[in-house]
Structure formats: structure tokens, C-alpha cells
């Protein structure tokens, strides 16, 4: 049996989990562009999403000295960037989920 506060953080957890996987998922969608002509729509969606979700991790990796800003990133540099992206976007989308949870809680208390 679950308590009355069991589902108050549903969107927070969902947002954080989505934030952890959104950057690698965007890169994977972008790679379907090169698979066949059928992958063109998903590849374009992945390109736009990857351009948006990839920048914070790259900038943080350059700032921390993990990758050089004057070289093409490959190998372990990509791993560093994606790990930093996961942390950054988990925080951002988790905070958005927290706000949604608070709004839903406020509305449910107002109705009851």
C-alpha cells in the first residue's frame, strides 16, 4: 500500500531520467540520417536536437580542460562530453519536472 505522498515527484523523476538520456538519444537519431533514405526524417530531428543538447557538455568539457577547443573531439572526449551533458540535462529537466509537480499539487489542493 502506498502513502498519500507517493506520486508527488513523478515529473521530477521522469524529467531527470529523460535528461540523462536525451543527449545520447539525439546523437543516435542523428546517426540514422546516414543509414538510408528512410532515416532522413529521424536524422534531421536528431541533428536539431543534438545541436541543442550537445553544446552545454562540450562547453563544460572545454572549461574543465577535458577536451581541447582546437581539435576534433573523438574517443574518450565524446564520453566526457556525454557524461557532462547527462548531468546538466538531468538537472534542467528534473527542475522542470519539479515545477510541474508543484503546479499539479497546488491545483489538486485547490480542488479538494
PDB file of N, CA and C in Angstrom:
ATOM      1  N   UNK A   1       0.837  -1.173   0.000  1.00  0.00           N
ATOM      2  CA  UNK A   1       0.000   0.000   0.000  1.00  0.00           C
ATOM      3  C   UNK A   1       0.892   1.250   0.000  1.00  0.00           C
ATOM      4  N   UNK A   2       0.551   2.211  -0.837  1.00  0.00           N
ATOM      5  CA  UNK A   2       1.352   3.420  -0.959  1.00  0.00           C
ATOM      6  C   UNK A   2       0.751   4.538  -0.130  1.00  0.00           C
ATOM      7  N   UNK A   3       1.618   5.400   0.389  1.00  0.00           N
ATOM      8  CA  UNK A   3       1.178   6.524   1.200  1.00  0.00           C
ATOM      9  C   UNK A   3       0.583   7.630   0.342  1.00  0.00           C
ATOM     10  N   UNK A   4       0.057   8.660   0.982  1.00  0.00           N
ATOM     11  CA  UNK A   4      -0.590   9.750   0.245  1.00  0.00           C
ATOM     12  C   UNK A   4       0.396  10.608  -0.545  1.00  0.00           C
ATOM     13  N   UNK A   5       1.685  10.535  -0.249  1.00  0.00           N
ATOM     14  CA  UNK A   5       2.681  11.357  -0.929  1.00  0.00           C
ATOM     15  C   UNK A   5       3.486  10.567  -1.957  1.00  0.00           C
ATOM     16  N   UNK A   6       2.981   9.412  -2.361  1.00  0.00           N
ATOM     17  CA  UNK A   6       3.750   8.517  -3.224  1.00  0.00           C
ATOM     18  C   UNK A   6       4.004   9.088  -4.606  1.00  0.00           C
ATOM     19  N   UNK A   7       3.087   9.857  -5.169  1.00  0.00           N
ATOM     20  CA  UNK A   7       3.218  10.292  -6.552  1.00  0.00           C
ATOM     21  C   UNK A   7       3.467  11.796  -6.688  1.00  0.00           C
ATOM     22  N   UNK A   8       3.958  12.439  -5.668  1.00  0.00           N
ATOM     23  CA  UNK A   8       4.181  13.877  -5.733  1.00  0.00           C
ATOM     24  C   UNK A   8       5.421  14.255  -6.533  1.00  0.00           C
ATOM     25  N   UNK A   9       6.310  13.339  -6.788  1.00  0.00           N
ATOM     26  CA  UNK A   9       7.542  13.649  -7.507  1.00  0.00           C
ATOM     27  C   UNK A   9       7.659  12.876  -8.817  1.00  0.00           C
ATOM     28  N   UNK A  10       6.553  12.546  -9.411  1.00  0.00           N
ATOM     29  CA  UNK A  10       6.552  11.762 -10.645  1.00  0.00           C
ATOM     30  C   UNK A  10       7.250  12.505 -11.772  1.00  0.00           C
ATOM     31  N   UNK A  11       6.922  13.761 -11.981  1.00  0.00           N
ATOM     32  CA  UNK A  11       7.505  14.520 -13.087  1.00  0.00           C
ATOM     33  C   UNK A  11       8.964  14.857 -12.826  1.00  0.00           C
ATOM     34  N   UNK A  12       9.355  15.036 -11.580  1.00  0.00           N
ATOM     35  CA  UNK A  12      10.746  15.289 -11.264  1.00  0.00           C
ATOM     36  C   UNK A  12      11.603  14.098 -11.681  1.00  0.00           C
ATOM     37  N   UNK A  13      11.185  12.914 -11.307  1.00  0.00           N
ATOM     38  CA  UNK A  13      11.937  11.703 -11.652  1.00  0.00           C
ATOM     39  C   UNK A  13      11.916  11.463 -13.159  1.00  0.00           C
ATOM     40  N   UNK A  14      10.763  11.675 -13.779  1.00  0.00           N
ATOM     41  CA  UNK A  14      10.658  11.498 -15.231  1.00  0.00           C
ATOM     42  C   UNK A  14      11.561  12.484 -15.957  1.00  0.00           C
ATOM     43  N   UNK A  15      11.570  13.730 -15.530  1.00  0.00           N
ATOM     44  CA  UNK A  15      12.414  14.735 -16.160  1.00  0.00           C
ATOM     45  C   UNK A  15      13.892  14.437 -15.990  1.00  0.00           C
ATOM     46  N   UNK A  16      14.294  14.014 -14.802  1.00  0.00           N
ATOM     47  CA  UNK A  16      15.698  13.687 -14.569  1.00  0.00           C
ATOM     48  C   UNK A  16      16.120  12.479 -15.406  1.00  0.00           C
ATOM     49  N   UNK A  17      15.267  11.469 -15.492  1.00  0.00           N
ATOM     50  CA  UNK A  17      15.600  10.288 -16.303  1.00  0.00           C
ATOM     51  C   UNK A  17      15.683  10.650 -17.786  1.00  0.00           C
ATOM     52  N   UNK A  18      14.773  11.492 -18.252  1.00  0.00           N
ATOM     53  CA  UNK A  18      14.819  11.943 -19.643  1.00  0.00           C
ATOM     54  C   UNK A  18      16.084  12.756 -19.906  1.00  0.00           C
ATOM     55  N   UNK A  19      16.458  13.598 -18.960  1.00  0.00           N
ATOM     56  CA  UNK A  19      17.664  14.402 -19.109  1.00  0.00           C
ATOM     57  C   UNK A  19      18.929  13.572 -19.202  1.00  0.00           C
ATOM     58  N   UNK A  20      18.957  12.443 -18.518  1.00  0.00           N
ATOM     59  CA  UNK A  20      20.135  11.575 -18.580  1.00  0.00           C
ATOM     60  C   UNK A  20      20.341  10.965 -19.961  1.00  0.00           C
ATOM     61  N   UNK A  21      19.271  10.730 -20.688  1.00  0.00           N
ATOM     62  CA  UNK A  21      19.399  10.014 -21.966  1.00  0.00           C
ATOM     63  C   UNK A  21      19.166  10.876 -23.196  1.00  0.00           C
ATOM     64  N   UNK A  22      18.755  12.131 -23.040  1.00  0.00           N
ATOM     65  CA  UNK A  22      18.354  12.918 -24.203  1.00  0.00           C
ATOM     66  C   UNK A  22      19.524  13.225 -25.133  1.00  0.00           C
ATOM     67  N   UNK A  23      20.692  13.513 -24.625  1.00  0.00           N
ATOM     68  CA  UNK A  23      21.818  13.850 -25.495  1.00  0.00           C
ATOM     69  C   UNK A  23      22.317  12.641 -26.293  1.00  0.00           C
ATOM     70  N   UNK A  24      22.567  11.484 -25.656  1.00  0.00           N
ATOM     71  CA  UNK A  24      22.954  10.320 -26.462  1.00  0.00           C
ATOM     72  C   UNK A  24      21.856   9.863 -27.428  1.00  0.00           C
ATOM     73  N   UNK A  25      20.596  10.018 -27.019  1.00  0.00           N
ATOM     74  CA  UNK A  25      19.493   9.670 -27.902  1.00  0.00           C
ATOM     75  C   UNK A  25      19.477  10.581 -29.129  1.00  0.00           C
ATOM     76  N   UNK A  26      19.745  11.850 -28.934  1.00  0.00           N
ATOM     77  CA  UNK A  26      19.803  12.793 -30.055  1.00  0.00           C
ATOM     78  C   UNK A  26      20.909  12.413 -31.028  1.00  0.00           C
ATOM     79  N   UNK A  27      22.050  12.040 -30.494  1.00  0.00           N
ATOM     80  CA  UNK A  27      23.164  11.621 -31.343  1.00  0.00           C
ATOM     81  C   UNK A  27      22.825  10.342 -32.097  1.00  0.00           C
ATOM     82  N   UNK A  28      22.123   9.428 -31.443  1.00  0.00           N
ATOM     83  CA  UNK A  28      21.692   8.199 -32.108  1.00  0.00           C
ATOM     84  C   UNK A  28      20.683   8.455 -33.213  1.00  0.00           C
ATOM     85  N   UNK A  29      19.748   9.355 -32.965  1.00  0.00           N
ATOM     86  CA  UNK A  29      18.793   9.718 -34.006  1.00  0.00           C
ATOM     87  C   UNK A  29      19.500  10.365 -35.191  1.00  0.00           C
ATOM     88  N   UNK A  30      20.481  11.189 -34.904  1.00  0.00           N
ATOM     89  CA  UNK A  30      21.233  11.831 -35.979  1.00  0.00           C
ATOM     90  C   UNK A  30      21.969  10.806 -36.838  1.00  0.00           C
ATOM     91  N   UNK A  31      22.449   9.738 -36.221  1.00  0.00           N
ATOM     92  CA  UNK A  31      23.172   8.716 -36.980  1.00  0.00           C
ATOM     93  C   UNK A  31      22.267   7.947 -37.937  1.00  0.00           C
ATOM     94  N   UNK A  32      20.952   7.967 -37.722  1.00  0.00           N
ATOM     95  CA  UNK A  32      20.052   7.292 -38.666  1.00  0.00           C
ATOM     96  C   UNK A  32      19.988   8.022 -39.996  1.00  0.00           C
ATOM     97  N   UNK A  33      20.416   9.280 -40.041  1.00  0.00           N
ATOM     98  CA  UNK A  33      20.459  10.052 -41.282  1.00  0.00           C
ATOM     99  C   UNK A  33      21.369   9.377 -42.306  1.00  0.00           C
ATOM    100  N   UNK A  34      22.428   8.740 -41.822  1.00  0.00           N
ATOM    101  CA  UNK A  34      23.408   8.125 -42.713  1.00  0.00           C
ATOM    102  C   UNK A  34      23.078   6.683 -43.050  1.00  0.00           C
ATOM    103  N   UNK A  35      22.042   6.119 -42.442  1.00  0.00           N
ATOM    104  CA  UNK A  35      21.717   4.710 -42.641  1.00  0.00           C
ATOM    105  C   UNK A  35      21.047   4.461 -43.996  1.00  0.00           C
ATOM    106  N   UNK A  36      20.058   5.222 -44.325  1.00  0.00           N
ATOM    107  CA  UNK A  36      19.327   5.029 -45.582  1.00  0.00           C
ATOM    108  C   UNK A  36      18.446   6.253 -45.813  1.00  0.00           C
ATOM    109  N   UNK A  37      17.833   6.342 -46.979  1.00  0.00           N
ATOM    110  CA  UNK A  37      16.913   7.461 -47.199  1.00  0.00           C
ATOM    111  C   UNK A  37      15.711   7.445 -46.249  1.00  0.00           C
ATOM    112  N   UNK A  38      15.382   6.281 -45.722  1.00  0.00           N
ATOM    113  CA  UNK A  38      14.262   6.181 -44.782  1.00  0.00           C
ATOM    114  C   UNK A  38      14.581   6.905 -43.477  1.00  0.00           C
ATOM    115  N   UNK A  39      15.852   6.980 -43.136  1.00  0.00           N
ATOM    116  CA  UNK A  39      16.256   7.631 -41.895  1.00  0.00           C
ATOM    117  C   UNK A  39      16.365   9.135 -41.974  1.00  0.00           C
ATOM    118  N   UNK A  40      15.996   9.731 -43.088  1.00  0.00           N
ATOM    119  CA  UNK A  40      16.125  11.172 -43.256  1.00  0.00           C
ATOM    120  C   UNK A  40      15.301  11.979 -42.241  1.00  0.00           C
ATOM    121  N   UNK A  41      14.016  11.682 -42.031  1.00  0.00           N
ATOM    122  CA  UNK A  41      13.255  12.492 -41.049  1.00  0.00           C
ATOM    123  C   UNK A  41      13.798  12.370 -39.620  1.00  0.00           C
ATOM    124  N   UNK A  42      14.075  11.156 -39.193  1.00  0.00           N
ATOM    125  CA  UNK A  42      14.594  10.992 -37.830  1.00  0.00           C
ATOM    126  C   UNK A  42      16.007  11.554 -37.719  1.00  0.00           C
ATOM    127  N   UNK A  43      16.774  11.481 -38.791  1.00  0.00           N
ATOM    128  CA  UNK A  43      18.117  12.055 -38.781  1.00  0.00           C
ATOM    129  C   UNK A  43      18.099  13.566 -38.655  1.00  0.00           C
ATOM    130  N   UNK A  44      17.156  14.211 -39.336  1.00  0.00           N
ATOM    131  CA  UNK A  44      17.045  15.667 -39.225  1.00  0.00           C
ATOM    132  C   UNK A  44      16.571  16.085 -37.829  1.00  0.00           C
ATOM    133  N   UNK A  45      15.631  15.328 -37.272  1.00  0.00           N
ATOM    134  CA  UNK A  45      15.190  15.586 -35.898  1.00  0.00           C
ATOM    135  C   UNK A  45      16.356  15.418 -34.925  1.00  0.00           C
ATOM    136  N   UNK A  46      17.152  14.371 -35.127  1.00  0.00           N
ATOM    137  CA  UNK A  46      18.319  14.140 -34.281  1.00  0.00           C
ATOM    138  C   UNK A  46      19.365  15.228 -34.423  1.00  0.00           C
ATOM    139  N   UNK A  47      19.538  15.750 -35.644  1.00  0.00           N
ATOM    140  CA  UNK A  47      20.506  16.824 -35.860  1.00  0.00           C
ATOM    141  C   UNK A  47      20.128  18.068 -35.067  1.00  0.00           C
ATOM    142  N   UNK A  48      18.878  18.482 -35.177  1.00  0.00           N
ATOM    143  CA  UNK A  48      18.426  19.673 -34.459  1.00  0.00           C
ATOM    144  C   UNK A  48      18.535  19.456 -32.946  1.00  0.00           C
ATOM    145  N   UNK A  49      18.093  18.297 -32.495  1.00  0.00           N
ATOM    146  CA  UNK A  49      18.147  18.006 -31.069  1.00  0.00           C
ATOM    147  C   UNK A  49      19.591  17.897 -30.569  1.00  0.00           C
ATOM    148  N   UNK A  50      20.453  17.317 -31.367  1.00  0.00           N
ATOM    149  CA  UNK A  50      21.855  17.171 -30.984  1.00  0.00           C
ATOM    150  C   UNK A  50      22.565  18.522 -30.929  1.00  0.00           C
ATOM    151  N   UNK A  51      22.240  19.406 -31.857  1.00  0.00           N
ATOM    152  CA  UNK A  51      22.832  20.743 -31.816  1.00  0.00           C
ATOM    153  C   UNK A  51      22.423  21.484 -30.550  1.00  0.00           C
ATOM    154  N   UNK A  52      21.180  21.296 -30.125  1.00  0.00           N
ATOM    155  CA  UNK A  52      20.687  21.958 -28.921  1.00  0.00           C
ATOM    156  C   UNK A  52      21.247  21.317 -27.653  1.00  0.00           C
ATOM    157  N   UNK A  53      21.195  19.985 -27.571  1.00  0.00           N
ATOM    158  CA  UNK A  53      21.563  19.283 -26.339  1.00  0.00           C
ATOM    159  C   UNK A  53      23.058  19.014 -26.197  1.00  0.00           C
ATOM    160  N   UNK A  54      23.841  19.179 -27.253  1.00  0.00           N
ATOM    161  CA  UNK A  54      25.262  18.852 -27.179  1.00  0.00           C
ATOM    162  C   UNK A  54      26.156  19.974 -26.700  1.00  0.00           C
ATOM    163  N   UNK A  55      25.717  21.206 -26.840  1.00  0.00           N
ATOM    164  CA  UNK A  55      26.569  22.349 -26.541  1.00  0.00           C
ATOM    165  C   UNK A  55      26.973  22.492 -25.064  1.00  0.00           C
ATOM    166  N   UNK A  56      26.075  22.318 -24.099  1.00  0.00           N
ATOM    167  CA  UNK A  56      26.494  22.522 -22.698  1.00  0.00           C
ATOM    168  C   UNK A  56      27.600  21.566 -22.251  1.00  0.00           C
ATOM    169  N   UNK A  57      27.510  20.312 -22.653  1.00  0.00           N
ATOM    170  CA  UNK A  57      28.540  19.351 -22.269  1.00  0.00           C
ATOM    171  C   UNK A  57      29.885  19.667 -22.888  1.00  0.00           C
ATOM    172  N   UNK A  58      29.860  20.102 -24.144  1.00  0.00           N
ATOM    173  CA  UNK A  58      31.110  20.476 -24.818  1.00  0.00           C
ATOM    174  C   UNK A  58      31.742  21.689 -24.143  1.00  0.00           C
ATOM    175  N   UNK A  59      30.939  22.701 -23.882  1.00  0.00           N
ATOM    176  CA  UNK A  59      31.472  23.903 -23.241  1.00  0.00           C
ATOM    177  C   UNK A  59      32.022  23.591 -21.845  1.00  0.00           C
ATOM    178  N   UNK A  60      31.330  22.738 -21.100  1.00  0.00           N
ATOM    179  CA  UNK A  60      31.810  22.364 -19.763  1.00  0.00           C
ATOM    180  C   UNK A  60      33.098  21.556 -19.852  1.00  0.00           C
ATOM    181  N   UNK A  61      33.192  20.666 -20.837  1.00  0.00           N
ATOM    182  CA  UNK A  61      34.406  19.861 -21.001  1.00  0.00           C
ATOM    183  C   UNK A  61      35.597  20.732 -21.389  1.00  0.00           C
ATOM    184  N   UNK A  62      35.379  21.719 -22.232  1.00  0.00           N
ATOM    185  CA  UNK A  62      36.459  22.650 -22.580  1.00  0.00           C
ATOM    186  C   UNK A  62      36.854  23.473 -21.361  1.00  0.00           C
ATOM    187  N   UNK A  63      35.865  23.966 -20.613  1.00  0.00           N
ATOM    188  CA  UNK A  63      36.141  24.770 -19.429  1.00  0.00           C
ATOM    189  C   UNK A  63      36.911  23.967 -18.369  1.00  0.00           C
ATOM    190  N   UNK A  64      36.581  22.675 -18.229  1.00  0.00           N
ATOM    191  CA  UNK A  64      37.271  21.824 -17.259  1.00  0.00           C
ATOM    192  C   UNK A  64      38.614  21.304 -17.771  1.00  0.00           C
ATOM    193  N   UNK A  65      38.912  21.540 -19.044  1.00  0.00           N
ATOM    194  CA  UNK A  65      40.177  21.082 -19.619  1.00  0.00           C
ATOM    195  C   UNK A  65      40.170  19.620 -20.021  1.00  0.00           C
ATOM    196  N   UNK A  66      38.999  19.014 -20.154  1.00  0.00           N
ATOM    197  CA  UNK A  66      38.913  17.600 -20.540  1.00  0.00           C
ATOM    198  C   UNK A  66      39.109  17.399 -22.032  1.00  0.00           C
ATOM    199  N   UNK A  67      38.715  18.381 -22.838  1.00  0.00           N
ATOM    200  CA  UNK A  67      38.935  18.332 -24.286  1.00  0.00           C
ATOM    201  C   UNK A  67      39.492  19.682 -24.725  1.00  0.00           C
ATOM    202  N   UNK A  68      40.202  19.666 -25.834  1.00  0.00           N
ATOM    203  CA  UNK A  68      40.771  20.895 -26.369  1.00  0.00           C
ATOM    204  C   UNK A  68      39.759  21.565 -27.295  1.00  0.00           C
ATOM    205  N   UNK A  69      39.716  22.867 -27.254  1.00  0.00           N
ATOM    206  CA  UNK A  69      38.765  23.581 -28.103  1.00  0.00           C
ATOM    207  C   UNK A  69      39.247  23.685 -29.545  1.00  0.00           C
ATOM    208  N   UNK A  70      40.501  23.353 -29.827  1.00  0.00           N
ATOM    209  CA  UNK A  70      41.056  23.498 -31.167  1.00  0.00           C
ATOM    210  C   UNK A  70      41.247  22.165 -31.888  1.00  0.00           C
ATOM    211  N   UNK A  71      40.597  21.116 -31.397  1.00  0.00           N
ATOM    212  CA  UNK A  71      40.716  19.788 -32.006  1.00  0.00           C
ATOM    213  C   UNK A  71      39.341  19.189 -32.245  1.00  0.00           C
ATOM    214  N   UNK A  72      39.291  18.240 -33.164  1.00  0.00           N
ATOM    215  CA  UNK A  72      38.068  17.477 -33.378  1.00  0.00           C
ATOM    216  C   UNK A  72      37.917  16.498 -32.219  1.00  0.00           C
ATOM    217  N   UNK A  73      36.753  16.475 -31.617  1.00  0.00           N
ATOM    218  CA  UNK A  73      36.520  15.615 -30.461  1.00  0.00           C
ATOM    219  C   UNK A  73      36.249  14.192 -30.937  1.00  0.00           C
ATOM    220  N   UNK A  74      36.963  13.243 -30.354  1.00  0.00           N
ATOM    221  CA  UNK A  74      36.752  11.830 -30.677  1.00  0.00           C
ATOM    222  C   UNK A  74      37.177  10.996 -29.475  1.00  0.00           C
ATOM    223  N   UNK A  75      36.802   9.738 -29.512  1.00  0.00           N
ATOM    224  CA  UNK A  75      37.220   8.801 -28.473  1.00  0.00           C
ATOM    225  C   UNK A  75      36.666   9.143 -27.106  1.00  0.00           C
ATOM    226  N   UNK A  76      37.565   9.176 -26.129  1.00  0.00           N
ATOM    227  CA  UNK A  76      37.154   9.384 -24.742  1.00  0.00           C
ATOM    228  C   UNK A  76      36.621  10.797 -24.521  1.00  0.00           C
ATOM    229  N   UNK A  77      36.987  11.742 -25.367  1.00  0.00           N
ATOM    230  CA  UNK A  77      36.446  13.099 -25.260  1.00  0.00           C
ATOM    231  C   UNK A  77      34.938  13.124 -25.423  1.00  0.00           C
ATOM    232  N   UNK A  78      34.423  12.287 -26.327  1.00  0.00           N
ATOM    233  CA  UNK A  78      32.974  12.187 -26.510  1.00  0.00           C
ATOM    234  C   UNK A  78      32.290  11.626 -25.265  1.00  0.00           C
ATOM    235  N   UNK A  79      32.954  10.696 -24.609  1.00  0.00           N
ATOM    236  CA  UNK A  79      32.394  10.126 -23.378  1.00  0.00           C
ATOM    237  C   UNK A  79      32.295  11.205 -22.296  1.00  0.00           C
ATOM    238  N   UNK A  80      33.356  12.004 -22.155  1.00  0.00           N
ATOM    239  CA  UNK A  80      33.323  13.093 -21.179  1.00  0.00           C
ATOM    240  C   UNK A  80      32.189  14.064 -21.473  1.00  0.00           C
ATOM    241  N   UNK A  81      32.055  14.424 -22.738  1.00  0.00           N
ATOM    242  CA  UNK A  81      31.023  15.375 -23.128  1.00  0.00           C
ATOM    243  C   UNK A  81      29.632  14.822 -22.845  1.00  0.00           C
ATOM    244  N   UNK A  82      29.396  13.566 -23.202  1.00  0.00           N
ATOM    245  CA  UNK A  82      28.068  12.986 -22.981  1.00  0.00           C
ATOM    246  C   UNK A  82      27.771  12.800 -21.497  1.00  0.00           C
ATOM    247  N   UNK A  83      28.770  12.483 -20.688  1.00  0.00           N
ATOM    248  CA  UNK A  83      28.540  12.392 -19.242  1.00  0.00           C
ATOM    249  C   UNK A  83      28.170  13.759 -18.659  1.00  0.00           C
ATOM    250  N   UNK A  84      28.872  14.790 -19.082  1.00  0.00           N
ATOM    251  CA  UNK A  84      28.543  16.136 -18.610  1.00  0.00           C
ATOM    252  C   UNK A  84      27.178  16.577 -19.115  1.00  0.00           C
ATOM    253  N   UNK A  85      26.846  16.221 -20.352  1.00  0.00           N
ATOM    254  CA  UNK A  85      25.511  16.525 -20.878  1.00  0.00           C
ATOM    255  C   UNK A  85      24.434  15.827 -20.055  1.00  0.00           C
ATOM    256  N   UNK A  86      24.670  14.573 -19.696  1.00  0.00           N
ATOM    257  CA  UNK A  86      23.695  13.837 -18.895  1.00  0.00           C
ATOM    258  C   UNK A  86      23.432  14.496 -17.562  1.00  0.00           C
ATOM    259  N   UNK A  87      24.494  14.934 -16.896  1.00  0.00           N
ATOM    260  CA  UNK A  87      24.332  15.603 -15.604  1.00  0.00           C
ATOM    261  C   UNK A  87      23.597  16.935 -15.780  1.00  0.00           C
ATOM    262  N   UNK A  88      24.018  17.714 -16.770  1.00  0.00           N
ATOM    263  CA  UNK A  88      23.406  19.029 -16.986  1.00  0.00           C
ATOM    264  C   UNK A  88      21.928  18.903 -17.314  1.00  0.00           C
ATOM    265  N   UNK A  89      21.588  18.053 -18.292  1.00  0.00           N
ATOM    266  CA  UNK A  89      20.188  17.957 -18.721  1.00  0.00           C
ATOM    267  C   UNK A  89      19.324  17.242 -17.696  1.00  0.00           C
ATOM    268  N   UNK A  90      19.894  16.345 -16.889  1.00  0.00           N
ATOM    269  CA  UNK A  90      19.110  15.725 -15.808  1.00  0.00           C
ATOM    270  C   UNK A  90      18.698  16.789 -14.797  1.00  0.00           C
ATOM    271  N   UNK A  91      19.601  17.719 -14.502  1.00  0.00           N
ATOM    272  CA  UNK A  91      19.265  18.804 -13.572  1.00  0.00           C
ATOM    273  C   UNK A  91      18.208  19.719 -14.182  1.00  0.00           C
ATOM    274  N   UNK A  92      18.396  20.100 -15.453  1.00  0.00           N
ATOM    275  CA  UNK A  92      17.459  21.033 -16.095  1.00  0.00           C
ATOM    276  C   UNK A  92      16.067  20.424 -16.205  1.00  0.00           C
ATOM    277  N   UNK A  93      15.982  19.218 -16.772  1.00  0.00           N
ATOM    278  CA  UNK A  93      14.666  18.601 -16.948  1.00  0.00           C
ATOM    279  C   UNK A  93      14.078  18.142 -15.615  1.00  0.00           C
ATOM    280  N   UNK A  94      14.920  17.796 -14.651  1.00  0.00           N
ATOM    281  CA  UNK A  94      14.431  17.472 -13.317  1.00  0.00           C
ATOM    282  C   UNK A  94      13.805  18.679 -12.646  1.00  0.00           C
ATOM    283  N   UNK A  95      14.428  19.858 -12.806  1.00  0.00           N
ATOM    284  CA  UNK A  95      13.842  21.082 -12.252  1.00  0.00           C
ATOM    285  C   UNK A  95      12.532  21.433 -12.939  1.00  0.00           C
ATOM    286  N   UNK A  96      12.464  21.235 -14.242  1.00  0.00           N
ATOM    287  CA  UNK A  96      11.194  21.457 -14.935  1.00  0.00           C
ATOM    288  C   UNK A  96      10.118  20.507 -14.416  1.00  0.00           C
ATOM    289  N   UNK A  97      10.483  19.247 -14.189  1.00  0.00           N
ATOM    290  CA  UNK A  97       9.543  18.288 -13.620  1.00  0.00           C
ATOM    291  C   UNK A  97       9.113  18.664 -12.214  1.00  0.00           C
ATOM    292  N   UNK A  98      10.045  19.200 -11.430  1.00  0.00           N
ATOM    293  CA  UNK A  98       9.720  19.662 -10.085  1.00  0.00           C
ATOM    294  C   UNK A  98       8.662  20.768 -10.125  1.00  0.00           C
ATOM    295  N   UNK A  99       8.825  21.689 -11.070  1.00  0.00           N
ATOM    296  CA  UNK A  99       7.852  22.782 -11.221  1.00  0.00           C
ATOM    297  C   UNK A  99       6.484  22.217 -11.599  1.00  0.00           C
ATOM    298  N   UNK A 100       6.458  21.264 -12.518  1.00  0.00           N
ATOM    299  CA  UNK A 100       5.182  20.649 -12.923  1.00  0.00           C
ATOM    300  C   UNK A 100       4.547  19.938 -11.732  1.00  0.00           C
ATOM    301  N   UNK A 101       5.346  19.227 -10.949  1.00  0.00           N
ATOM    302  CA  UNK A 101       4.815  18.556  -9.754  1.00  0.00           C
ATOM    303  C   UNK A 101       4.203  19.563  -8.782  1.00  0.00           C
ATOM    304  N   UNK A 102       4.873  20.683  -8.575  1.00  0.00           N
ATOM    305  CA  UNK A 102       4.362  21.703  -7.647  1.00  0.00           C
ATOM    306  C   UNK A 102       3.058  22.309  -8.159  1.00  0.00           C
ATOM    307  N   UNK A 103       2.992  22.566  -9.463  1.00  0.00           N
ATOM    308  CA  UNK A 103       1.761  23.126 -10.047  1.00  0.00           C
ATOM    309  C   UNK A 103       0.619  22.129  -9.899  1.00  0.00           C
ATOM    310  N   UNK A 104       0.874  20.868 -10.184  1.00  0.00           N
ATOM    311  CA  UNK A 104      -0.164  19.834 -10.054  1.00  0.00           C
ATOM    312  C   UNK A 104      -0.606  19.689  -8.609  1.00  0.00           C
ATOM    313  N   UNK A 105       0.343  19.755  -7.680  1.00  0.00           N
ATOM    314  CA  UNK A 105       0.000  19.650  -6.260  1.00  0.00           C
ATOM    315  C   UNK A 105      -0.844  20.837  -5.814  1.00  0.00           C
ATOM    316  N   UNK A 106      -0.476  22.025  -6.268  1.00  0.00           N
ATOM    317  CA  UNK A 106      -1.248  23.216  -5.898  1.00  0.00           C
ATOM    318  C   UNK A 106      -2.665  23.151  -6.457  1.00  0.00           C
ATOM    319  N   UNK A 107      -2.805  22.666  -7.693  1.00  0.00           N
ATOM    320  CA  UNK A 107      -4.143  22.553  -8.294  1.00  0.00           C
ATOM    321  C   UNK A 107      -4.970  21.493  -7.573  1.00  0.00           C
ATOM    322  N   UNK A 108      -4.345  20.382  -7.188  1.00  0.00           N
ATOM    323  CA  UNK A 108      -5.108  19.336  -6.513  1.00  0.00           C
ATOM    324  C   UNK A 108      -5.554  19.784  -5.124  1.00  0.00           C
ATOM    325  N   UNK A 109      -4.746  20.602  -4.453  1.00  0.00           N
ATOM    326  CA  UNK A 109      -5.138  21.109  -3.141  1.00  0.00           C
ATOM    327  C   UNK A 109      -6.244  22.158  -3.252  1.00  0.00           C
ATOM    328  N   UNK A 110      -6.223  22.916  -4.341  1.00  0.00           N
ATOM    329  CA  UNK A 110      -7.242  23.937  -4.552  1.00  0.00           C
ATOM    330  C   UNK A 110      -8.595  23.297  -4.863  1.00  0.00           C
ATOM    331  N   UNK A 111      -8.571  22.177  -5.587  1.00  0.00           N
ATOM    332  CA  UNK A 111      -9.811  21.483  -5.951  1.00  0.00           C
ATOM    333  C   UNK A 111     -10.407  20.765  -4.745  1.00  0.00           C
ATOM    334  N   UNK A 112      -9.542  20.184  -3.917  1.00  0.00           N
ATOM    335  CA  UNK A 112     -10.025  19.376  -2.788  1.00  0.00           C
ATOM    336  C   UNK A 112     -10.546  20.175  -1.634  1.00  0.00           C
TER     337      UNK A 112
END
